[in-house]
């Protein structure tokens, strides 16, 4: 599935949210990419007495890649560090979503030469889906 008009790329995955999150965390660690946080949206909803399908947001990055992007296009700091959303819908289907590098490039005027710095998410997701 290609990026939607809003720049969000969505992929269905045949793993649970927990398995997917753990695979992504492992891949990030192996690549030396810092995992800054995992936001458990559904867990926080439950604490407030609300029901939400399992939904987690991973926030990660590497200053060596992100800093040049933010120096060239300071507003990119609004979307960095990079993020991957792993969510289950009410039917139990799990999807992985992220902002496409091209969308971020266009949104913030990031130079073409730095696109690779923000385009790493697709490779991470492909690795998480493999196997």
N, C-alpha and C. Protein backbone atom coordinates (compact mmCIF):
# COMPACT_ATOMS: atom_id res chain seq x y z
N UNK A 1 0.86 -1.19 0.00
CA UNK A 1 0.00 0.00 0.00
C UNK A 1 0.89 1.24 0.00
N UNK A 2 0.62 2.16 -0.82
CA UNK A 2 1.43 3.38 -0.94
C UNK A 2 1.02 4.40 0.12
N UNK A 3 1.82 5.44 0.22
CA UNK A 3 1.50 6.51 1.16
C UNK A 3 0.17 7.15 0.77
N UNK A 4 -0.63 7.44 1.77
CA UNK A 4 -1.89 8.15 1.52
C UNK A 4 -1.57 9.59 1.16
N UNK A 5 -2.58 10.33 0.74
CA UNK A 5 -2.37 11.74 0.41
C UNK A 5 -1.83 12.53 1.59
N UNK A 6 -2.08 12.07 2.82
CA UNK A 6 -1.62 12.79 4.00
C UNK A 6 -0.22 12.38 4.43
N UNK A 7 0.46 11.58 3.63
CA UNK A 7 1.84 11.21 3.93
C UNK A 7 1.98 10.01 4.84
N UNK A 8 0.88 9.42 5.28
CA UNK A 8 0.95 8.27 6.19
C UNK A 8 1.00 6.98 5.38
N UNK A 9 2.00 6.17 5.65
CA UNK A 9 2.13 4.86 5.02
C UNK A 9 1.57 3.84 6.00
N UNK A 10 0.75 2.92 5.49
CA UNK A 10 0.12 1.90 6.33
C UNK A 10 0.42 0.52 5.75
N UNK A 11 0.88 -0.38 6.60
CA UNK A 11 1.13 -1.76 6.20
C UNK A 11 0.42 -2.68 7.20
N UNK A 12 -0.29 -3.68 6.68
CA UNK A 12 -0.86 -4.70 7.55
C UNK A 12 0.24 -5.68 7.89
N UNK A 13 0.17 -6.22 9.10
CA UNK A 13 1.20 -7.15 9.55
C UNK A 13 0.50 -8.36 10.17
N UNK A 14 1.10 -9.53 9.99
CA UNK A 14 0.51 -10.77 10.49
C UNK A 14 1.13 -11.16 11.83
N UNK A 15 1.36 -10.20 12.67
CA UNK A 15 1.88 -10.43 14.02
C UNK A 15 1.03 -9.62 14.99
N UNK A 16 1.13 -9.95 16.26
CA UNK A 16 0.42 -9.16 17.26
C UNK A 16 1.14 -7.83 17.45
N UNK A 17 0.47 -6.90 18.11
CA UNK A 17 1.09 -5.62 18.42
C UNK A 17 2.35 -5.86 19.26
N UNK A 18 2.23 -6.70 20.29
CA UNK A 18 3.38 -6.94 21.17
C UNK A 18 4.55 -7.55 20.42
N UNK A 19 4.29 -8.56 19.58
CA UNK A 19 5.37 -9.18 18.79
C UNK A 19 6.02 -8.16 17.87
N UNK A 20 5.21 -7.34 17.24
CA UNK A 20 5.73 -6.34 16.30
C UNK A 20 6.59 -5.31 17.03
N UNK A 21 6.10 -4.83 18.15
CA UNK A 21 6.86 -3.85 18.94
C UNK A 21 8.19 -4.46 19.37
N UNK A 22 8.18 -5.68 19.84
CA UNK A 22 9.42 -6.32 20.29
C UNK A 22 10.39 -6.51 19.13
N UNK A 23 9.89 -6.88 17.95
CA UNK A 23 10.76 -7.04 16.77
C UNK A 23 11.38 -5.69 16.38
N UNK A 24 10.57 -4.65 16.38
CA UNK A 24 11.10 -3.32 16.03
C UNK A 24 12.14 -2.88 17.05
N UNK A 25 11.86 -3.08 18.32
CA UNK A 25 12.82 -2.72 19.36
C UNK A 25 14.15 -3.45 19.17
N UNK A 26 14.07 -4.73 18.84
CA UNK A 26 15.27 -5.53 18.63
C UNK A 26 16.06 -5.03 17.42
N UNK A 27 15.36 -4.70 16.34
CA UNK A 27 16.01 -4.20 15.13
C UNK A 27 16.67 -2.85 15.41
N UNK A 28 15.98 -1.97 16.12
CA UNK A 28 16.56 -0.67 16.47
C UNK A 28 17.84 -0.85 17.27
N UNK A 29 17.78 -1.74 18.26
CA UNK A 29 18.95 -1.98 19.10
C UNK A 29 20.12 -2.52 18.28
N UNK A 30 19.84 -3.47 17.39
CA UNK A 30 20.89 -4.07 16.56
C UNK A 30 21.53 -3.04 15.64
N UNK A 31 20.77 -2.04 15.23
CA UNK A 31 21.28 -1.01 14.31
C UNK A 31 21.87 0.19 15.07
N UNK A 32 21.85 0.15 16.39
CA UNK A 32 22.40 1.25 17.18
C UNK A 32 21.54 2.50 17.15
N UNK A 33 20.24 2.32 16.89
CA UNK A 33 19.30 3.45 16.86
C UNK A 33 18.64 3.56 18.23
N UNK A 34 18.61 4.75 18.77
CA UNK A 34 18.06 4.96 20.11
C UNK A 34 16.54 4.89 20.10
N UNK A 35 15.99 4.08 21.00
CA UNK A 35 14.55 4.06 21.23
C UNK A 35 14.30 5.01 22.39
N UNK A 36 13.68 6.14 22.10
CA UNK A 36 13.45 7.15 23.13
C UNK A 36 12.27 6.81 24.02
N UNK A 37 11.23 6.22 23.42
CA UNK A 37 10.03 5.91 24.21
C UNK A 37 9.11 4.98 23.45
N UNK A 38 8.32 4.23 24.20
CA UNK A 38 7.19 3.49 23.66
C UNK A 38 5.97 4.02 24.41
N UNK A 39 5.09 4.66 23.68
CA UNK A 39 3.87 5.21 24.28
C UNK A 39 2.77 4.17 24.13
N UNK A 40 2.22 3.73 25.25
CA UNK A 40 1.16 2.73 25.25
C UNK A 40 -0.18 3.45 25.32
N UNK A 41 -0.70 3.84 24.17
CA UNK A 41 -1.95 4.59 24.13
C UNK A 41 -3.11 3.79 24.73
N UNK A 42 -3.20 2.51 24.39
CA UNK A 42 -4.30 1.69 24.90
C UNK A 42 -4.16 1.47 26.41
N UNK A 43 -2.94 1.32 26.88
CA UNK A 43 -2.72 1.16 28.32
C UNK A 43 -3.12 2.41 29.09
N UNK A 44 -2.79 3.57 28.55
CA UNK A 44 -3.18 4.83 29.20
C UNK A 44 -4.69 5.02 29.16
N UNK A 45 -5.32 4.61 28.05
CA UNK A 45 -6.78 4.69 27.96
C UNK A 45 -7.41 3.82 29.04
N UNK A 46 -6.88 2.62 29.23
CA UNK A 46 -7.41 1.70 30.25
C UNK A 46 -7.30 2.29 31.65
N UNK A 47 -6.20 3.00 31.92
CA UNK A 47 -6.03 3.64 33.22
C UNK A 47 -7.11 4.69 33.48
N UNK A 48 -7.68 5.22 32.41
CA UNK A 48 -8.74 6.23 32.52
C UNK A 48 -10.13 5.61 32.41
N UNK A 49 -10.18 4.28 32.40
CA UNK A 49 -11.46 3.60 32.31
C UNK A 49 -12.03 3.52 30.91
N UNK A 50 -11.19 3.74 29.90
CA UNK A 50 -11.64 3.70 28.51
C UNK A 50 -11.08 2.46 27.81
N UNK A 51 -11.79 1.98 26.82
CA UNK A 51 -11.36 0.81 26.06
C UNK A 51 -10.86 1.25 24.71
N UNK A 52 -9.68 0.73 24.35
CA UNK A 52 -9.07 1.04 23.06
C UNK A 52 -8.30 -0.19 22.62
N UNK A 53 -8.39 -0.59 21.35
CA UNK A 53 -7.56 -1.71 20.89
C UNK A 53 -6.08 -1.42 21.14
N UNK A 54 -5.31 -2.48 21.26
CA UNK A 54 -3.88 -2.37 21.55
C UNK A 54 -3.21 -1.43 20.55
N UNK A 55 -2.63 -0.34 21.06
CA UNK A 55 -2.03 0.70 20.23
C UNK A 55 -0.78 1.23 20.91
N UNK A 56 0.36 1.13 20.20
CA UNK A 56 1.62 1.60 20.76
C UNK A 56 2.38 2.43 19.73
N UNK A 57 3.02 3.49 20.21
CA UNK A 57 3.82 4.38 19.37
C UNK A 57 5.27 4.29 19.80
N UNK A 58 6.14 3.94 18.87
CA UNK A 58 7.57 3.90 19.14
C UNK A 58 8.21 5.18 18.62
N UNK A 59 9.01 5.81 19.45
CA UNK A 59 9.70 7.05 19.10
C UNK A 59 11.20 6.77 19.16
N UNK A 60 11.88 6.99 18.03
CA UNK A 60 13.27 6.57 17.94
C UNK A 60 14.05 7.49 17.00
N UNK A 61 15.36 7.40 17.08
CA UNK A 61 16.18 8.19 16.18
C UNK A 61 17.65 8.05 16.45
N UNK A 62 18.40 8.80 15.69
CA UNK A 62 19.85 8.81 15.80
C UNK A 62 20.30 10.25 15.56
N UNK A 63 20.90 10.90 16.55
CA UNK A 63 21.32 12.28 16.38
C UNK A 63 22.21 12.52 15.16
N UNK A 64 23.00 11.50 14.77
CA UNK A 64 23.87 11.66 13.59
C UNK A 64 23.04 11.81 12.32
N UNK A 65 21.85 11.24 12.29
CA UNK A 65 20.98 11.38 11.13
C UNK A 65 20.02 12.54 11.25
N UNK A 66 19.44 12.72 12.45
CA UNK A 66 18.42 13.74 12.64
C UNK A 66 18.95 15.16 12.75
N UNK A 67 20.11 15.33 13.37
CA UNK A 67 20.63 16.68 13.58
C UNK A 67 20.88 17.43 12.26
N UNK A 68 21.52 16.79 11.26
CA UNK A 68 21.69 17.51 9.99
C UNK A 68 20.36 17.90 9.35
N UNK A 69 19.35 17.05 9.51
CA UNK A 69 18.02 17.37 8.96
C UNK A 69 17.47 18.61 9.64
N UNK A 70 17.55 18.65 10.97
CA UNK A 70 17.00 19.80 11.71
C UNK A 70 17.81 21.07 11.48
N UNK A 71 19.11 20.95 11.24
CA UNK A 71 19.92 22.12 10.91
C UNK A 71 19.51 22.70 9.55
N UNK A 72 19.23 21.80 8.60
CA UNK A 72 18.85 22.24 7.26
C UNK A 72 17.41 22.73 7.21
N UNK A 73 16.55 22.14 8.03
CA UNK A 73 15.12 22.47 8.04
C UNK A 73 14.63 22.42 9.48
N UNK A 74 14.81 23.51 10.25
CA UNK A 74 14.50 23.50 11.68
C UNK A 74 13.08 23.02 12.03
N UNK A 75 12.10 23.27 11.17
CA UNK A 75 10.73 22.83 11.51
C UNK A 75 10.61 21.31 11.53
N UNK A 76 11.58 20.60 10.96
CA UNK A 76 11.55 19.13 10.98
C UNK A 76 11.55 18.59 12.41
N UNK A 77 12.01 19.41 13.35
CA UNK A 77 12.00 18.99 14.76
C UNK A 77 10.58 18.71 15.25
N UNK A 78 9.57 19.22 14.55
CA UNK A 78 8.19 18.90 14.91
C UNK A 78 7.89 17.42 14.66
N UNK A 79 8.54 16.80 13.69
CA UNK A 79 8.29 15.42 13.33
C UNK A 79 9.42 14.47 13.70
N UNK A 80 10.47 14.99 14.25
CA UNK A 80 11.58 14.16 14.71
C UNK A 80 11.62 14.18 16.22
N UNK A 81 12.01 13.10 16.86
CA UNK A 81 12.48 11.85 16.30
C UNK A 81 11.38 11.15 15.49
N UNK A 82 11.83 10.15 14.73
CA UNK A 82 10.91 9.39 13.89
C UNK A 82 9.98 8.54 14.75
N UNK A 83 8.86 8.13 14.15
CA UNK A 83 7.85 7.39 14.89
C UNK A 83 7.28 6.27 14.05
N UNK A 84 6.92 5.17 14.71
CA UNK A 84 6.16 4.08 14.11
C UNK A 84 4.99 3.79 15.03
N UNK A 85 3.80 3.75 14.46
CA UNK A 85 2.58 3.41 15.20
C UNK A 85 2.22 1.97 14.87
N UNK A 86 2.04 1.16 15.91
CA UNK A 86 1.60 -0.23 15.76
C UNK A 86 0.25 -0.32 16.45
N UNK A 87 -0.79 -0.66 15.67
CA UNK A 87 -2.14 -0.61 16.22
C UNK A 87 -2.99 -1.77 15.73
N UNK A 88 -3.83 -2.25 16.63
CA UNK A 88 -4.80 -3.28 16.31
C UNK A 88 -6.16 -2.62 16.15
N UNK A 89 -6.92 -3.01 15.14
CA UNK A 89 -8.26 -2.44 14.99
C UNK A 89 -9.28 -3.32 15.72
N UNK A 90 -10.53 -2.93 15.70
CA UNK A 90 -11.56 -3.66 16.45
C UNK A 90 -11.76 -5.07 15.92
N UNK A 91 -11.36 -5.34 14.68
CA UNK A 91 -11.49 -6.68 14.10
C UNK A 91 -10.25 -7.54 14.38
N UNK A 92 -9.24 -6.96 15.04
CA UNK A 92 -8.03 -7.70 15.39
C UNK A 92 -6.91 -7.60 14.38
N UNK A 93 -7.09 -6.85 13.30
CA UNK A 93 -6.03 -6.67 12.30
C UNK A 93 -5.00 -5.67 12.82
N UNK A 94 -3.73 -6.01 12.71
CA UNK A 94 -2.65 -5.14 13.17
C UNK A 94 -2.05 -4.41 11.98
N UNK A 95 -1.85 -3.12 12.13
CA UNK A 95 -1.21 -2.31 11.11
C UNK A 95 -0.02 -1.57 11.72
N UNK A 96 0.91 -1.24 10.84
CA UNK A 96 2.08 -0.45 11.19
C UNK A 96 2.00 0.81 10.31
N UNK A 97 2.12 1.99 10.93
CA UNK A 97 1.98 3.26 10.20
C UNK A 97 3.16 4.17 10.52
N UNK A 98 3.50 5.02 9.53
CA UNK A 98 4.55 6.02 9.74
C UNK A 98 4.41 7.11 8.69
N UNK A 99 5.07 8.23 8.93
CA UNK A 99 5.11 9.32 7.95
C UNK A 99 6.17 8.98 6.90
N UNK A 100 5.81 9.08 5.64
CA UNK A 100 6.78 8.78 4.59
C UNK A 100 7.88 9.84 4.59
N UNK A 101 9.08 9.42 4.21
CA UNK A 101 10.19 10.35 4.12
C UNK A 101 9.92 11.47 3.12
N UNK A 102 9.27 11.12 2.01
CA UNK A 102 8.95 12.12 0.99
C UNK A 102 7.97 13.17 1.54
N UNK A 103 7.02 12.72 2.33
CA UNK A 103 6.07 13.65 2.95
C UNK A 103 6.81 14.62 3.88
N UNK A 104 7.68 14.06 4.72
CA UNK A 104 8.43 14.92 5.65
C UNK A 104 9.34 15.87 4.88
N UNK A 105 9.94 15.37 3.81
CA UNK A 105 10.81 16.22 2.99
C UNK A 105 10.02 17.40 2.43
N UNK A 106 8.88 17.11 1.86
CA UNK A 106 8.05 18.16 1.28
C UNK A 106 7.50 19.10 2.35
N UNK A 107 7.05 18.54 3.44
CA UNK A 107 6.45 19.35 4.52
C UNK A 107 7.44 20.38 5.07
N UNK A 108 8.70 19.96 5.22
CA UNK A 108 9.68 20.82 5.89
C UNK A 108 10.74 21.40 4.96
N UNK A 109 10.70 21.08 3.69
CA UNK A 109 11.72 21.57 2.77
C UNK A 109 13.08 20.97 3.03
N UNK A 110 13.11 19.70 3.38
CA UNK A 110 14.36 19.01 3.67
C UNK A 110 15.09 18.76 2.34
N UNK A 111 16.37 19.09 2.29
CA UNK A 111 17.12 18.88 1.04
C UNK A 111 17.13 17.40 0.63
N UNK A 112 17.10 17.17 -0.67
CA UNK A 112 17.13 15.81 -1.24
C UNK A 112 18.30 15.00 -0.68
N UNK A 113 19.42 15.66 -0.47
CA UNK A 113 20.62 14.96 0.01
C UNK A 113 20.44 14.37 1.41
N UNK A 114 19.42 14.82 2.14
CA UNK A 114 19.19 14.33 3.51
C UNK A 114 17.98 13.39 3.61
N UNK A 115 17.37 13.08 2.46
CA UNK A 115 16.18 12.23 2.47
C UNK A 115 16.47 10.86 3.09
N UNK A 116 17.64 10.30 2.84
CA UNK A 116 17.98 8.99 3.41
C UNK A 116 17.98 9.02 4.94
N UNK A 117 18.28 10.18 5.52
CA UNK A 117 18.32 10.29 6.98
C UNK A 117 16.95 10.08 7.61
N UNK A 118 15.89 10.42 6.88
CA UNK A 118 14.54 10.29 7.43
C UNK A 118 13.74 9.17 6.76
N UNK A 119 14.35 8.49 5.81
CA UNK A 119 13.65 7.46 5.07
C UNK A 119 13.94 6.04 5.56
N UNK A 120 14.47 5.90 6.75
CA UNK A 120 14.87 4.59 7.26
C UNK A 120 13.70 3.75 7.76
N UNK A 121 12.55 4.36 7.98
CA UNK A 121 11.45 3.65 8.62
C UNK A 121 10.97 2.47 7.78
N UNK A 122 10.85 2.65 6.48
CA UNK A 122 10.35 1.56 5.64
C UNK A 122 11.22 0.31 5.76
N UNK A 123 12.52 0.50 5.79
CA UNK A 123 13.42 -0.65 5.97
C UNK A 123 13.24 -1.32 7.31
N UNK A 124 13.02 -0.54 8.34
CA UNK A 124 12.77 -1.10 9.67
C UNK A 124 11.50 -1.93 9.68
N UNK A 125 10.45 -1.40 9.06
CA UNK A 125 9.17 -2.11 9.02
C UNK A 125 9.30 -3.39 8.20
N UNK A 126 9.98 -3.32 7.07
CA UNK A 126 10.18 -4.53 6.24
C UNK A 126 10.91 -5.60 7.03
N UNK A 127 11.93 -5.21 7.79
CA UNK A 127 12.67 -6.16 8.61
C UNK A 127 11.78 -6.75 9.69
N UNK A 128 10.90 -5.94 10.27
CA UNK A 128 9.99 -6.42 11.32
C UNK A 128 8.95 -7.38 10.75
N UNK A 129 8.59 -7.21 9.48
CA UNK A 129 7.59 -8.05 8.85
C UNK A 129 8.19 -9.37 8.37
N UNK A 130 9.49 -9.40 8.14
CA UNK A 130 10.15 -10.59 7.61
C UNK A 130 10.19 -11.71 8.64
N UNK A 131 10.33 -12.90 8.14
CA UNK A 131 10.53 -14.05 9.02
C UNK A 131 9.32 -14.65 9.55
